[in-house]
Amino acid sequence: MITPALPTPRTAHDRTSSADESTTAWALAARGGDPDAGERFVRALHRDVRRYVAHLCSDPQAVDDLAQDTFLRALGSLHRFEGRSSARAWLLSIARRAVVDSYRHAAARPRLSDVPDWQPAAESVQPRGLPGFDDGVALLDLLAGLPEERREAFVLTQLLGLPYAEAARVSDCPVGTVRSRVARARATLVDLLDAAEQPAAARPA
């Protein structure tokens, strides 16, 4: 049974603010030459980068390569990171550019096959064996039906827990636009969840 429980912005923010402070501190320490901090920075954000890349990428088989490319770019650019935004928002911006660059590269050569669905890769980085996992997969199914811009705003703020201001920087759009996209995405998801539950409720016990 699908439960129409969508995360709230406040809950997502509270859950990630402390972690963001830690990862940002590790990134700044790694910038100063601390190798242990660099390893902690990568481990802490690896899953978020894979989830975001999986959302953006049309080829699930390329997710690991793009995530690795993201971290290689980030580690090579740490000397320019000054902590003005969280390290996670900074890293997701790099991930977005890595995906865009991969599309540009792919456009220059013919593709042997086309896998238009990001969902299998996104599901592969969902935690398994935990309460609510089935609902999480169902939510991914519903997210696939959203317009791309609304889906990205929802993933950044509700699944990855970025504050709206940082999600706006990652998406390169005004904060008000992100809020509008998330509100519309949530309204659509609630309608889809309600519609998905109707047949189950109509079935005899």
N, C-alpha and C. Protein backbone atom coordinates (compact mmCIF):
# COMPACT_ATOMS: atom_id res chain seq x y z
N MET A 1 0.85 -1.20 0.00
CA MET A 1 0.00 0.00 0.00
C MET A 1 0.88 1.25 0.00
N ILE A 2 0.57 2.21 -0.82
CA ILE A 2 1.34 3.44 -0.89
C ILE A 2 0.83 4.42 0.14
N THR A 3 1.70 4.95 0.93
CA THR A 3 1.28 5.94 1.93
C THR A 3 1.61 7.34 1.44
N PRO A 4 0.62 8.22 1.44
CA PRO A 4 0.83 9.58 0.93
C PRO A 4 1.56 10.47 1.92
N ALA A 5 2.76 10.05 2.32
CA ALA A 5 3.53 10.84 3.28
C ALA A 5 4.70 11.48 2.57
N LEU A 6 4.59 12.76 2.30
CA LEU A 6 5.66 13.47 1.62
C LEU A 6 6.48 14.24 2.64
N PRO A 7 7.81 14.31 2.47
CA PRO A 7 8.64 15.05 3.43
C PRO A 7 8.36 16.54 3.37
N THR A 8 8.52 17.20 4.49
CA THR A 8 8.30 18.65 4.53
C THR A 8 9.63 19.36 4.45
N PRO A 9 9.65 20.58 3.90
CA PRO A 9 10.90 21.33 3.81
C PRO A 9 11.59 21.52 5.15
N ARG A 10 10.82 21.79 6.21
CA ARG A 10 11.42 22.03 7.51
C ARG A 10 12.13 20.77 8.00
N THR A 11 11.48 19.61 7.85
CA THR A 11 12.09 18.36 8.29
C THR A 11 13.36 18.08 7.52
N ALA A 12 13.34 18.27 6.22
CA ALA A 12 14.52 18.03 5.40
C ALA A 12 15.65 18.95 5.80
N HIS A 13 15.34 20.21 6.07
CA HIS A 13 16.38 21.17 6.44
C HIS A 13 16.99 20.81 7.78
N ASP A 14 16.14 20.48 8.76
CA ASP A 14 16.64 20.15 10.09
C ASP A 14 17.52 18.90 10.04
N ARG A 15 17.17 17.98 9.19
CA ARG A 15 17.89 16.71 9.11
C ARG A 15 19.28 16.89 8.52
N THR A 16 19.47 17.88 7.68
CA THR A 16 20.72 18.00 6.94
C THR A 16 21.62 19.15 7.37
N SER A 17 21.11 20.08 8.16
CA SER A 17 21.91 21.27 8.47
C SER A 17 23.20 20.91 9.21
N SER A 18 23.11 20.00 10.19
CA SER A 18 24.30 19.61 10.93
C SER A 18 25.29 18.88 10.03
N ALA A 19 24.77 17.98 9.19
CA ALA A 19 25.64 17.24 8.27
C ALA A 19 26.31 18.19 7.29
N ASP A 20 25.58 19.20 6.83
CA ASP A 20 26.16 20.17 5.90
C ASP A 20 27.30 20.94 6.55
N GLU A 21 27.15 21.28 7.82
CA GLU A 21 28.22 21.98 8.52
C GLU A 21 29.48 21.11 8.58
N SER A 22 29.29 19.81 8.85
CA SER A 22 30.43 18.91 8.94
C SER A 22 31.12 18.74 7.59
N THR A 23 30.32 18.50 6.54
CA THR A 23 30.94 18.27 5.24
C THR A 23 31.63 19.52 4.71
N THR A 24 31.05 20.68 5.02
CA THR A 24 31.69 21.93 4.60
C THR A 24 33.01 22.11 5.34
N ALA A 25 33.03 21.78 6.62
CA ALA A 25 34.27 21.88 7.39
C ALA A 25 35.32 20.92 6.84
N TRP A 26 34.89 19.71 6.47
CA TRP A 26 35.84 18.74 5.90
C TRP A 26 36.39 19.23 4.56
N ALA A 27 35.52 19.83 3.75
CA ALA A 27 35.99 20.34 2.45
C ALA A 27 37.02 21.44 2.65
N LEU A 28 36.78 22.33 3.61
CA LEU A 28 37.72 23.41 3.87
C LEU A 28 39.04 22.86 4.42
N ALA A 29 38.93 21.82 5.27
CA ALA A 29 40.15 21.21 5.80
C ALA A 29 40.93 20.49 4.69
N ALA A 30 40.20 19.83 3.80
CA ALA A 30 40.86 19.16 2.68
C ALA A 30 41.53 20.18 1.78
N ARG A 31 40.90 21.32 1.62
CA ARG A 31 41.51 22.40 0.85
C ARG A 31 42.85 22.81 1.46
N GLY A 32 42.93 22.73 2.77
CA GLY A 32 44.17 23.09 3.46
C GLY A 32 45.20 21.98 3.48
N GLY A 33 44.88 20.83 2.87
CA GLY A 33 45.86 19.76 2.75
C GLY A 33 45.65 18.58 3.67
N ASP A 34 44.48 18.48 4.33
CA ASP A 34 44.20 17.36 5.23
C ASP A 34 43.61 16.20 4.43
N PRO A 35 44.36 15.11 4.19
CA PRO A 35 43.85 14.00 3.37
C PRO A 35 42.70 13.25 4.03
N ASP A 36 42.73 13.12 5.37
CA ASP A 36 41.63 12.43 6.06
C ASP A 36 40.32 13.19 5.88
N ALA A 37 40.39 14.51 5.94
CA ALA A 37 39.18 15.32 5.74
C ALA A 37 38.66 15.15 4.33
N GLY A 38 39.57 15.04 3.36
CA GLY A 38 39.14 14.82 1.99
C GLY A 38 38.39 13.52 1.82
N GLU A 39 38.87 12.45 2.48
CA GLU A 39 38.19 11.16 2.39
C GLU A 39 36.81 11.22 3.05
N ARG A 40 36.72 11.91 4.18
CA ARG A 40 35.42 12.04 4.86
C ARG A 40 34.44 12.84 4.00
N PHE A 41 34.94 13.87 3.37
CA PHE A 41 34.12 14.69 2.48
C PHE A 41 33.53 13.84 1.35
N VAL A 42 34.36 13.01 0.74
CA VAL A 42 33.89 12.17 -0.36
C VAL A 42 32.89 11.13 0.14
N ARG A 43 33.20 10.46 1.24
CA ARG A 43 32.30 9.42 1.75
C ARG A 43 30.95 10.00 2.15
N ALA A 44 30.97 11.17 2.77
CA ALA A 44 29.72 11.76 3.27
C ALA A 44 28.77 12.14 2.15
N LEU A 45 29.31 12.54 0.99
CA LEU A 45 28.46 13.07 -0.08
C LEU A 45 28.33 12.15 -1.28
N HIS A 46 28.98 11.00 -1.24
CA HIS A 46 28.96 10.12 -2.41
C HIS A 46 27.55 9.69 -2.78
N ARG A 47 26.75 9.30 -1.78
CA ARG A 47 25.39 8.82 -2.06
C ARG A 47 24.51 9.94 -2.64
N ASP A 48 24.61 11.15 -2.09
CA ASP A 48 23.81 12.26 -2.60
C ASP A 48 24.18 12.59 -4.04
N VAL A 49 25.47 12.54 -4.34
CA VAL A 49 25.90 12.82 -5.71
C VAL A 49 25.34 11.77 -6.66
N ARG A 50 25.39 10.50 -6.27
CA ARG A 50 24.87 9.44 -7.14
C ARG A 50 23.37 9.60 -7.36
N ARG A 51 22.64 9.96 -6.31
CA ARG A 51 21.19 10.12 -6.45
C ARG A 51 20.87 11.28 -7.39
N TYR A 52 21.60 12.37 -7.24
CA TYR A 52 21.32 13.53 -8.08
C TYR A 52 21.72 13.27 -9.53
N VAL A 53 22.87 12.65 -9.74
CA VAL A 53 23.30 12.31 -11.09
C VAL A 53 22.33 11.33 -11.72
N ALA A 54 21.85 10.37 -10.94
CA ALA A 54 20.88 9.40 -11.47
C ALA A 54 19.60 10.09 -11.91
N HIS A 55 19.22 11.14 -11.18
CA HIS A 55 18.02 11.91 -11.54
C HIS A 55 18.23 12.65 -12.86
N LEU A 56 19.42 13.19 -13.06
CA LEU A 56 19.68 14.01 -14.24
C LEU A 56 20.05 13.18 -15.46
N CYS A 57 20.68 12.04 -15.24
CA CYS A 57 21.29 11.30 -16.35
C CYS A 57 20.28 10.37 -17.01
N SER A 58 20.30 10.31 -18.33
CA SER A 58 19.39 9.43 -19.07
C SER A 58 19.97 8.03 -19.25
N ASP A 59 21.21 7.82 -18.83
CA ASP A 59 21.86 6.52 -19.00
C ASP A 59 22.27 5.99 -17.63
N PRO A 60 21.49 5.07 -17.03
CA PRO A 60 21.81 4.55 -15.70
C PRO A 60 23.20 3.94 -15.61
N GLN A 61 23.71 3.41 -16.70
CA GLN A 61 25.02 2.77 -16.67
C GLN A 61 26.14 3.80 -16.53
N ALA A 62 25.85 5.07 -16.77
CA ALA A 62 26.87 6.10 -16.70
C ALA A 62 26.93 6.78 -15.34
N VAL A 63 26.04 6.41 -14.42
CA VAL A 63 25.94 7.12 -13.14
C VAL A 63 27.24 7.05 -12.35
N ASP A 64 27.83 5.87 -12.22
CA ASP A 64 29.06 5.74 -11.44
C ASP A 64 30.20 6.56 -12.05
N ASP A 65 30.31 6.52 -13.38
CA ASP A 65 31.37 7.30 -14.04
C ASP A 65 31.17 8.80 -13.81
N LEU A 66 29.92 9.25 -13.89
CA LEU A 66 29.65 10.67 -13.70
C LEU A 66 29.88 11.09 -12.25
N ALA A 67 29.54 10.21 -11.32
CA ALA A 67 29.80 10.52 -9.91
C ALA A 67 31.30 10.63 -9.67
N GLN A 68 32.06 9.70 -10.24
CA GLN A 68 33.52 9.75 -10.10
C GLN A 68 34.08 11.02 -10.74
N ASP A 69 33.57 11.38 -11.91
CA ASP A 69 34.01 12.59 -12.58
C ASP A 69 33.72 13.82 -11.72
N THR A 70 32.56 13.80 -11.06
CA THR A 70 32.19 14.92 -10.19
C THR A 70 33.20 15.10 -9.07
N PHE A 71 33.57 14.02 -8.42
CA PHE A 71 34.51 14.13 -7.31
C PHE A 71 35.91 14.49 -7.79
N LEU A 72 36.32 13.98 -8.95
CA LEU A 72 37.62 14.36 -9.49
C LEU A 72 37.66 15.86 -9.77
N ARG A 73 36.57 16.38 -10.34
CA ARG A 73 36.50 17.83 -10.60
C ARG A 73 36.52 18.61 -9.30
N ALA A 74 35.75 18.12 -8.32
CA ALA A 74 35.65 18.84 -7.05
C ALA A 74 37.00 18.86 -6.33
N LEU A 75 37.66 17.72 -6.26
CA LEU A 75 38.94 17.67 -5.55
C LEU A 75 39.98 18.53 -6.26
N GLY A 76 39.88 18.62 -7.58
CA GLY A 76 40.79 19.47 -8.33
C GLY A 76 40.49 20.95 -8.19
N SER A 77 39.27 21.26 -7.70
CA SER A 77 38.86 22.67 -7.57
C SER A 77 38.72 23.11 -6.13
N LEU A 78 39.13 22.26 -5.19
CA LEU A 78 38.97 22.61 -3.77
C LEU A 78 39.66 23.91 -3.40
N HIS A 79 40.73 24.23 -4.11
CA HIS A 79 41.44 25.48 -3.79
C HIS A 79 40.58 26.71 -4.05
N ARG A 80 39.50 26.54 -4.84
CA ARG A 80 38.61 27.68 -5.11
C ARG A 80 37.37 27.69 -4.20
N PHE A 81 37.19 26.62 -3.40
CA PHE A 81 36.03 26.56 -2.52
C PHE A 81 36.29 27.38 -1.26
N GLU A 82 35.42 28.34 -1.00
CA GLU A 82 35.61 29.26 0.13
C GLU A 82 34.54 29.11 1.20
N GLY A 83 33.62 28.15 1.03
CA GLY A 83 32.61 27.92 2.05
C GLY A 83 31.48 28.93 2.05
N ARG A 84 31.29 29.67 0.97
CA ARG A 84 30.19 30.64 0.91
C ARG A 84 28.83 29.94 0.84
N SER A 85 28.80 28.76 0.25
CA SER A 85 27.63 27.89 0.29
C SER A 85 28.07 26.59 0.93
N SER A 86 27.14 25.69 1.20
CA SER A 86 27.54 24.40 1.77
C SER A 86 28.35 23.62 0.74
N ALA A 87 29.20 22.76 1.23
CA ALA A 87 30.01 21.93 0.32
C ALA A 87 29.11 21.04 -0.53
N ARG A 88 27.97 20.65 0.03
CA ARG A 88 27.07 19.78 -0.74
C ARG A 88 26.46 20.53 -1.92
N ALA A 89 25.99 21.75 -1.70
CA ALA A 89 25.44 22.53 -2.81
C ALA A 89 26.50 22.79 -3.86
N TRP A 90 27.71 23.10 -3.41
CA TRP A 90 28.82 23.33 -4.35
C TRP A 90 29.09 22.07 -5.17
N LEU A 91 29.09 20.90 -4.50
CA LEU A 91 29.38 19.65 -5.18
C LEU A 91 28.27 19.28 -6.16
N LEU A 92 27.02 19.51 -5.79
CA LEU A 92 25.91 19.19 -6.69
C LEU A 92 25.93 20.09 -7.92
N SER A 93 26.40 21.32 -7.76
CA SER A 93 26.56 22.19 -8.93
C SER A 93 27.60 21.62 -9.89
N ILE A 94 28.67 21.07 -9.33
CA ILE A 94 29.69 20.44 -10.16
C ILE A 94 29.12 19.20 -10.83
N ALA A 95 28.31 18.43 -10.10
CA ALA A 95 27.68 17.24 -10.68
C ALA A 95 26.79 17.61 -11.86
N ARG A 96 26.06 18.71 -11.71
CA ARG A 96 25.18 19.16 -12.79
C ARG A 96 25.99 19.49 -14.05
N ARG A 97 27.13 20.18 -13.85
CA ARG A 97 27.97 20.51 -15.00
C ARG A 97 28.57 19.26 -15.63
N ALA A 98 28.92 18.29 -14.80
CA ALA A 98 29.48 17.04 -15.32
C ALA A 98 28.48 16.32 -16.21
N VAL A 99 27.21 16.32 -15.79
CA VAL A 99 26.17 15.67 -16.60
C VAL A 99 25.95 16.44 -17.90
N VAL A 100 25.89 17.77 -17.80
CA VAL A 100 25.70 18.59 -19.00
C VAL A 100 26.85 18.35 -19.98
N ASP A 101 28.07 18.31 -19.46
CA ASP A 101 29.22 18.07 -20.33
C ASP A 101 29.15 16.70 -20.97
N SER A 102 28.64 15.70 -20.23
CA SER A 102 28.53 14.36 -20.80
C SER A 102 27.51 14.34 -21.93
N TYR A 103 26.43 15.12 -21.79
CA TYR A 103 25.44 15.21 -22.87
C TYR A 103 26.06 15.85 -24.11
N ARG A 104 26.83 16.90 -23.89
CA ARG A 104 27.47 17.56 -25.03
C ARG A 104 28.43 16.62 -25.74
N HIS A 105 29.17 15.84 -24.96
CA HIS A 105 30.10 14.88 -25.55
C HIS A 105 29.34 13.80 -26.31
N ALA A 106 28.24 13.32 -25.71
CA ALA A 106 27.46 12.26 -26.37
C ALA A 106 26.82 12.77 -27.65
N ALA A 107 26.46 14.05 -27.67
CA ALA A 107 25.82 14.61 -28.86
C ALA A 107 26.76 14.64 -30.05
N ALA A 108 28.06 14.58 -29.78
CA ALA A 108 29.05 14.64 -30.86
C ALA A 108 29.31 13.27 -31.49
N ARG A 109 28.72 12.22 -30.90
CA ARG A 109 28.91 10.89 -31.48
C ARG A 109 27.58 10.14 -31.43
N PRO A 110 27.36 9.19 -32.33
CA PRO A 110 26.10 8.43 -32.32
C PRO A 110 26.00 7.51 -31.12
N ARG A 111 24.82 7.37 -30.58
CA ARG A 111 24.60 6.48 -29.45
C ARG A 111 24.11 5.13 -29.96
N LEU A 112 24.66 4.04 -29.37
CA LEU A 112 24.24 2.70 -29.79
C LEU A 112 22.87 2.34 -29.23
N SER A 113 22.55 2.90 -28.09
CA SER A 113 21.25 2.62 -27.49
C SER A 113 20.83 3.82 -26.67
N ASP A 114 19.54 3.90 -26.38
CA ASP A 114 19.02 5.03 -25.62
C ASP A 114 18.21 4.50 -24.45
N VAL A 115 18.61 4.88 -23.25
CA VAL A 115 17.87 4.50 -22.05
C VAL A 115 17.31 5.77 -21.45
N PRO A 116 16.06 6.12 -21.77
CA PRO A 116 15.53 7.42 -21.38
C PRO A 116 15.13 7.53 -19.92
N ASP A 117 15.21 6.41 -19.17
CA ASP A 117 14.66 6.43 -17.82
C ASP A 117 15.79 6.49 -16.80
N TRP A 118 15.79 7.52 -15.93
CA TRP A 118 16.78 7.64 -14.87
C TRP A 118 16.43 6.79 -13.67
N GLN A 119 15.22 6.27 -13.63
CA GLN A 119 14.71 5.64 -12.42
C GLN A 119 15.50 4.41 -11.95
N PRO A 120 15.91 3.47 -12.84
CA PRO A 120 16.65 2.30 -12.33
C PRO A 120 17.90 2.68 -11.55
N ALA A 121 18.63 3.68 -12.02
CA ALA A 121 19.83 4.10 -11.30
C ALA A 121 19.46 4.78 -9.99
N ALA A 122 18.40 5.57 -10.00
CA ALA A 122 17.97 6.22 -8.77
C ALA A 122 17.54 5.19 -7.73
N GLU A 123 16.84 4.15 -8.17
CA GLU A 123 16.42 3.10 -7.25
C GLU A 123 17.62 2.36 -6.68
N SER A 124 18.69 2.22 -7.48
CA SER A 124 19.84 1.45 -7.03
C SER A 124 20.56 2.10 -5.86
N VAL A 125 20.36 3.39 -5.64
CA VAL A 125 21.02 4.06 -4.52
C VAL A 125 20.06 4.34 -3.38
N GLN A 126 18.84 3.78 -3.44
CA GLN A 126 17.92 3.89 -2.33
C GLN A 126 18.32 2.88 -1.25
N PRO A 127 18.19 3.22 0.04
CA PRO A 127 18.51 2.25 1.10
C PRO A 127 17.51 1.11 1.08
N ARG A 128 18.01 -0.11 1.14
CA ARG A 128 17.14 -1.27 1.12
C ARG A 128 17.04 -1.87 2.53
N GLY A 129 15.93 -2.56 2.76
CA GLY A 129 15.75 -3.21 4.04
C GLY A 129 15.39 -2.26 5.16
N LEU A 130 14.97 -1.05 4.82
CA LEU A 130 14.61 -0.08 5.85
C LEU A 130 13.12 0.21 5.78
N PRO A 131 12.51 0.62 6.91
CA PRO A 131 11.09 0.98 6.87
C PRO A 131 10.84 2.07 5.85
N GLY A 132 9.81 1.89 5.05
CA GLY A 132 9.47 2.90 4.06
C GLY A 132 10.18 2.75 2.73
N PHE A 133 11.02 1.71 2.57
CA PHE A 133 11.74 1.56 1.30
C PHE A 133 10.77 1.36 0.15
N ASP A 134 9.75 0.50 0.33
CA ASP A 134 8.78 0.27 -0.74
C ASP A 134 8.08 1.56 -1.13
N ASP A 135 7.75 2.39 -0.12
CA ASP A 135 7.12 3.68 -0.41
C ASP A 135 8.07 4.59 -1.16
N GLY A 136 9.38 4.49 -0.84
CA GLY A 136 10.36 5.31 -1.54
C GLY A 136 10.44 4.96 -3.01
N VAL A 137 10.41 3.67 -3.32
CA VAL A 137 10.43 3.24 -4.72
C VAL A 137 9.17 3.70 -5.42
N ALA A 138 8.02 3.61 -4.72
CA ALA A 138 6.77 4.08 -5.31
C ALA A 138 6.83 5.57 -5.59
N LEU A 139 7.47 6.32 -4.68
CA LEU A 139 7.61 7.76 -4.90
C LEU A 139 8.45 8.03 -6.13
N LEU A 140 9.52 7.24 -6.34
CA LEU A 140 10.34 7.41 -7.54
C LEU A 140 9.52 7.16 -8.79
N ASP A 141 8.63 6.16 -8.73
CA ASP A 141 7.75 5.90 -9.87
C ASP A 141 6.92 7.14 -10.20
N LEU A 142 6.37 7.77 -9.17
CA LEU A 142 5.53 8.94 -9.39
C LEU A 142 6.36 10.14 -9.84
N LEU A 143 7.57 10.28 -9.30
CA LEU A 143 8.43 11.40 -9.71
C LEU A 143 8.74 11.35 -11.19
N ALA A 144 8.83 10.14 -11.74
CA ALA A 144 9.16 10.01 -13.16
C ALA A 144 8.12 10.69 -14.04
N GLY A 145 6.90 10.86 -13.53
CA GLY A 145 5.85 11.48 -14.32
C GLY A 145 5.79 13.00 -14.22
N LEU A 146 6.64 13.58 -13.39
CA LEU A 146 6.64 15.04 -13.24
C LEU A 146 7.45 15.70 -14.35
N PRO A 147 7.13 16.95 -14.69
CA PRO A 147 8.00 17.70 -15.61
C PRO A 147 9.41 17.79 -15.03
N GLU A 148 10.41 17.79 -15.88
CA GLU A 148 11.80 17.68 -15.45
C GLU A 148 12.19 18.75 -14.43
N GLU A 149 11.81 20.02 -14.66
CA GLU A 149 12.23 21.09 -13.76
C GLU A 149 11.60 20.94 -12.38
N ARG A 150 10.33 20.52 -12.34
CA ARG A 150 9.69 20.32 -11.04
C ARG A 150 10.29 19.12 -10.33
N ARG A 151 10.61 18.07 -11.08
CA ARG A 151 11.22 16.88 -10.49
C ARG A 151 12.58 17.23 -9.87
N GLU A 152 13.37 18.01 -10.60
CA GLU A 152 14.68 18.39 -10.08
C GLU A 152 14.55 19.20 -8.79
N ALA A 153 13.63 20.17 -8.77
CA ALA A 153 13.44 20.99 -7.57
C ALA A 153 13.00 20.13 -6.39
N PHE A 154 12.11 19.17 -6.64
CA PHE A 154 11.64 18.30 -5.58
C PHE A 154 12.76 17.41 -5.06
N VAL A 155 13.55 16.83 -5.96
CA VAL A 155 14.66 15.96 -5.56
C VAL A 155 15.67 16.73 -4.72
N LEU A 156 16.03 17.92 -5.16
CA LEU A 156 17.03 18.71 -4.45
C LEU A 156 16.57 19.09 -3.04
N THR A 157 15.33 19.53 -2.90
CA THR A 157 14.87 20.05 -1.62
C THR A 157 14.24 18.99 -0.72
N GLN A 158 13.49 18.06 -1.30
CA GLN A 158 12.73 17.11 -0.48
C GLN A 158 13.45 15.78 -0.29
N LEU A 159 14.23 15.33 -1.26
CA LEU A 159 14.94 14.06 -1.13
C LEU A 159 16.38 14.27 -0.67
N LEU A 160 17.05 15.28 -1.21
CA LEU A 160 18.42 15.56 -0.79
C LEU A 160 18.49 16.57 0.33
N GLY A 161 17.40 17.29 0.58
CA GLY A 161 17.32 18.17 1.74
C GLY A 161 18.04 19.50 1.63
N LEU A 162 18.30 19.97 0.42
CA LEU A 162 18.95 21.28 0.29
C LEU A 162 17.98 22.40 0.67
N PRO A 163 18.45 23.44 1.35
CA PRO A 163 17.62 24.63 1.53
C PRO A 163 17.26 25.22 0.17
N TYR A 164 16.15 25.94 0.10
CA TYR A 164 15.68 26.47 -1.18
C TYR A 164 16.71 27.38 -1.84
N ALA A 165 17.40 28.20 -1.03
CA ALA A 165 18.38 29.12 -1.61
C ALA A 165 19.52 28.37 -2.29
N GLU A 166 19.97 27.28 -1.68
CA GLU A 166 21.06 26.51 -2.28
C GLU A 166 20.57 25.71 -3.48
N ALA A 167 19.34 25.20 -3.40
CA ALA A 167 18.76 24.51 -4.55
C ALA A 167 18.65 25.46 -5.74
N ALA A 168 18.34 26.71 -5.45
CA ALA A 168 18.24 27.71 -6.52
C ALA A 168 19.59 27.94 -7.17
N ARG A 169 20.65 27.96 -6.35
CA ARG A 169 22.00 28.12 -6.93
C ARG A 169 22.39 26.93 -7.78
N VAL A 170 22.06 25.73 -7.31
CA VAL A 170 22.38 24.53 -8.08
C VAL A 170 21.64 24.54 -9.41
N SER A 171 20.36 24.93 -9.37
CA SER A 171 19.52 24.91 -10.57
C SER A 171 19.66 26.16 -11.42
N ASP A 172 20.37 27.18 -10.91
CA ASP A 172 20.58 28.44 -11.62
C ASP A 172 19.26 29.12 -11.96
N CYS A 173 18.43 29.30 -10.91
CA CYS A 173 17.15 29.99 -11.09
C CYS A 173 16.80 30.69 -9.78
N PRO A 174 15.83 31.62 -9.78
CA PRO A 174 15.46 32.32 -8.55
C PRO A 174 14.87 31.39 -7.49
N VAL A 175 15.02 31.79 -6.22
CA VAL A 175 14.47 30.99 -5.12
C VAL A 175 12.96 30.84 -5.27
N GLY A 176 12.28 31.91 -5.67
CA GLY A 176 10.84 31.84 -5.83
C GLY A 176 10.42 30.80 -6.87
N THR A 177 11.23 30.65 -7.90
CA THR A 177 10.93 29.66 -8.93
C THR A 177 11.04 28.24 -8.35
N VAL A 178 12.07 28.02 -7.53
CA VAL A 178 12.23 26.69 -6.90
C VAL A 178 11.04 26.41 -6.00
N ARG A 179 10.63 27.40 -5.19
CA ARG A 179 9.48 27.20 -4.29
C ARG A 179 8.22 26.86 -5.08
N SER A 180 8.02 27.57 -6.19
CA SER A 180 6.84 27.31 -7.01
C SER A 180 6.88 25.92 -7.60
N ARG A 181 8.06 25.51 -8.10
CA ARG A 181 8.18 24.18 -8.70
C ARG A 181 7.94 23.08 -7.67
N VAL A 182 8.48 23.28 -6.46
CA VAL A 182 8.28 22.27 -5.42
C VAL A 182 6.82 22.19 -5.01
N ALA A 183 6.18 23.35 -4.85
CA ALA A 183 4.76 23.36 -4.47
C ALA A 183 3.91 22.65 -5.51
N ARG A 184 4.19 22.91 -6.79
CA ARG A 184 3.41 22.26 -7.85
C ARG A 184 3.72 20.77 -7.90
N ALA A 185 4.99 20.41 -7.67
CA ALA A 185 5.36 18.99 -7.67
C ALA A 185 4.66 18.26 -6.53
N ARG A 186 4.65 18.88 -5.35
CA ARG A 186 3.99 18.24 -4.21
C ARG A 186 2.50 18.07 -4.45
N ALA A 187 1.86 19.09 -5.01
CA ALA A 187 0.43 19.00 -5.28
C ALA A 187 0.14 17.88 -6.27
N THR A 188 0.96 17.78 -7.30
CA THR A 188 0.78 16.72 -8.30
C THR A 188 0.99 15.35 -7.68
N LEU A 189 2.02 15.21 -6.84
CA LEU A 189 2.31 13.92 -6.21
C LEU A 189 1.18 13.50 -5.27
N VAL A 190 0.62 14.45 -4.53
CA VAL A 190 -0.50 14.13 -3.64
C VAL A 190 -1.68 13.61 -4.47
N ASP A 191 -1.97 14.27 -5.58
CA ASP A 191 -3.06 13.81 -6.46
C ASP A 191 -2.77 12.42 -7.00
N LEU A 192 -1.52 12.17 -7.40
CA LEU A 192 -1.16 10.85 -7.93
C LEU A 192 -1.24 9.77 -6.87
N LEU A 193 -0.80 10.11 -5.65
CA LEU A 193 -0.89 9.14 -4.55
C LEU A 193 -2.34 8.81 -4.23
N ASP A 194 -3.19 9.84 -4.20
CA ASP A 194 -4.62 9.61 -3.96
C ASP A 194 -5.21 8.71 -5.03
N ALA A 195 -4.86 8.99 -6.29
CA ALA A 195 -5.38 8.19 -7.40
C ALA A 195 -4.88 6.75 -7.32
N ALA A 196 -3.61 6.58 -6.87
CA ALA A 196 -3.05 5.23 -6.78
C ALA A 196 -3.71 4.42 -5.68
N GLU A 197 -4.20 5.09 -4.64
CA GLU A 197 -4.82 4.37 -3.53
C GLU A 197 -6.28 4.03 -3.78
N GLN A 198 -6.93 4.72 -4.69
CA GLN A 198 -8.34 4.48 -4.92
C GLN A 198 -8.67 3.05 -5.35
N PRO A 199 -7.94 2.47 -6.31
CA PRO A 199 -8.24 1.08 -6.68
C PRO A 199 -8.06 0.11 -5.52
N ALA A 200 -7.01 0.34 -4.69
CA ALA A 200 -6.77 -0.55 -3.56
C ALA A 200 -7.90 -0.47 -2.57
N ALA A 201 -8.41 0.75 -2.34
CA ALA A 201 -9.51 0.92 -1.38
C ALA A 201 -10.80 0.31 -1.90
N ALA A 202 -10.94 0.27 -3.23
CA ALA A 202 -12.17 -0.25 -3.82
C ALA A 202 -12.20 -1.77 -3.84
N ARG A 203 -11.02 -2.43 -3.69
CA ARG A 203 -10.98 -3.89 -3.74
C ARG A 203 -11.59 -4.47 -2.49
N PRO A 204 -12.33 -5.56 -2.59
CA PRO A 204 -12.91 -6.19 -1.40
C PRO A 204 -11.82 -6.79 -0.51
N ALA A 205 -12.05 -6.78 0.80
CA ALA A 205 -11.05 -7.32 1.74
C ALA A 205 -10.99 -8.83 1.64
